[in-house]
Protein backbone atom coordinates (compact mmCIF):
# COMPACT_ATOMS: atom_id res chain seq x y z
CA UNK A 1 45.33 84.29 110.19
CA UNK A 2 44.65 86.38 113.28
CA UNK A 3 47.20 88.69 114.89
CA UNK A 4 47.34 86.35 117.90
CA UNK A 5 48.19 83.38 115.66
CA UNK A 6 50.75 85.47 113.77
CA UNK A 7 52.41 86.55 117.05
CA UNK A 8 52.50 82.92 118.20
CA UNK A 9 54.22 81.83 114.96
CA UNK A 10 56.71 84.72 115.16
CA UNK A 11 57.66 83.66 118.69
CA UNK A 12 58.22 80.08 117.49
CA UNK A 13 60.26 81.24 114.50
CA UNK A 14 62.52 83.40 116.64
CA UNK A 15 64.08 80.21 118.02
CA UNK A 16 64.55 78.64 114.58
CA UNK A 17 67.58 78.83 112.33
CA UNK A 18 67.43 80.18 108.79
CA UNK A 19 67.32 77.03 106.66
CA UNK A 20 67.02 78.44 103.13
CA UNK A 21 68.93 81.32 101.56
CA UNK A 22 67.96 83.26 98.46
CA UNK A 23 70.93 84.49 96.43
CA UNK A 24 71.52 86.48 93.27
CA UNK A 25 69.53 84.00 91.14
CA UNK A 26 66.36 84.86 93.04
CA UNK A 27 63.51 82.37 93.05
CA UNK A 28 64.36 79.37 90.91
CA UNK A 29 62.26 76.21 90.49
CA UNK A 30 64.82 74.41 92.66
CA UNK A 31 64.46 76.99 95.43
CA UNK A 32 60.67 76.71 95.26
CA UNK A 33 60.92 72.92 95.54
CA UNK A 34 63.25 73.24 98.55
CA UNK A 35 60.85 75.63 100.28
CA UNK A 36 57.94 73.30 99.55
CA UNK A 37 59.81 70.31 101.03
CA UNK A 38 60.84 72.31 104.10
CA UNK A 39 57.26 73.45 104.70
CA UNK A 40 56.06 69.87 104.35
CA UNK A 41 58.56 68.72 106.98
CA UNK A 42 58.40 71.65 109.42
CA UNK A 43 55.32 73.82 108.70
CA UNK A 44 57.20 76.96 109.81
CA UNK A 45 60.43 78.04 108.14
CA UNK A 46 62.76 81.01 108.09
CA UNK A 47 64.30 82.15 104.81
CA UNK A 48 67.23 84.54 104.56
CA UNK A 49 68.22 86.76 101.68
CA UNK A 50 71.88 87.12 100.86
CA UNK A 51 73.40 90.54 100.21
CA UNK A 52 73.74 89.87 96.48
CA UNK A 53 69.97 89.38 96.10
CA UNK A 54 68.63 92.54 94.47
CA UNK A 55 64.89 91.86 94.88
CA UNK A 56 62.73 93.34 97.61
CA UNK A 57 62.08 90.95 100.52
CA UNK A 58 58.33 91.61 100.51
CA UNK A 59 58.05 90.81 96.79
CA UNK A 60 60.07 87.61 97.17
CA UNK A 61 58.00 86.57 100.19
CA UNK A 62 54.75 87.04 98.28
CA UNK A 63 56.04 85.13 95.25
CA UNK A 64 57.34 82.17 97.27
CA UNK A 65 54.16 82.07 99.32
CA UNK A 66 51.98 81.94 96.20
CA UNK A 67 54.10 79.20 94.60
CA UNK A 68 54.12 77.03 97.74
CA UNK A 69 50.56 77.74 98.90
CA UNK A 70 51.83 79.07 102.23
CA UNK A 71 51.27 82.20 104.29
CA UNK A 72 53.75 84.99 104.91
CA UNK A 73 53.97 85.35 108.68
CA UNK A 74 56.52 88.15 108.75
CA UNK A 75 59.09 89.92 106.62
CA UNK A 76 61.67 91.77 108.68
CA UNK A 77 64.86 93.04 107.15
CA UNK A 78 66.16 90.26 104.90
CA UNK A 79 64.34 87.48 106.79
CA UNK A 80 61.10 85.89 105.65
CA UNK A 81 58.97 83.61 107.82
CA UNK A 82 56.52 81.29 106.05
CA UNK A 83 53.88 78.95 107.47
CA UNK A 84 51.82 76.21 105.88
CA UNK A 85 49.58 74.03 108.00
CA UNK A 86 50.43 70.34 107.93
CA UNK A 87 47.83 67.89 106.75
CA UNK A 88 46.34 65.24 109.01
CA UNK A 89 48.83 63.50 111.29
CA UNK A 90 51.71 65.56 109.92
CA UNK A 91 50.42 68.63 111.74
CA UNK A 92 53.10 69.76 114.21
CA UNK A 93 52.05 73.25 115.24
CA UNK A 94 48.77 73.89 117.01
CA UNK A 95 47.74 77.50 116.44
CA UNK A 96 45.79 79.39 119.13
CA UNK A 97 42.09 79.41 118.41
CA UNK A 98 40.69 82.50 116.72
CA UNK A 99 38.51 84.41 119.16
CA UNK A 100 34.93 85.01 118.10
CA UNK A 101 33.52 88.49 118.40
CA UNK A 102 29.87 88.63 118.74
C-alpha cells in the first residue's frame, strides 16, 4: 500500500465510528470472527482498545491483521484502523492508483 492510499484510507476512517472494542480478554476467536465479518461488510474498520486491555496496540493490530488477512492502515493511541479489499462486486472503496516511477 502506498502512502497516498494509506492517507486516503485514514481520511475515510476519520469519519467512521469505532465498531469493535478490545477488552481485557484481548484477541479471542470470537473477536477475530467479528473483525472478519466487519471487514467483509465494510472493508475499512476502526477498532478501539479499552483501558483494561494490557497489550500494546501495535502488537494487537499486527495479530488481528494476520488472522483476518487485512492490512494495518494506522495505529494511533488506542485506535487501530484495518483495511481489507472487497472481492468482486462487494468492493466499496476505490483506492487511488499507485503512481509509477520510471
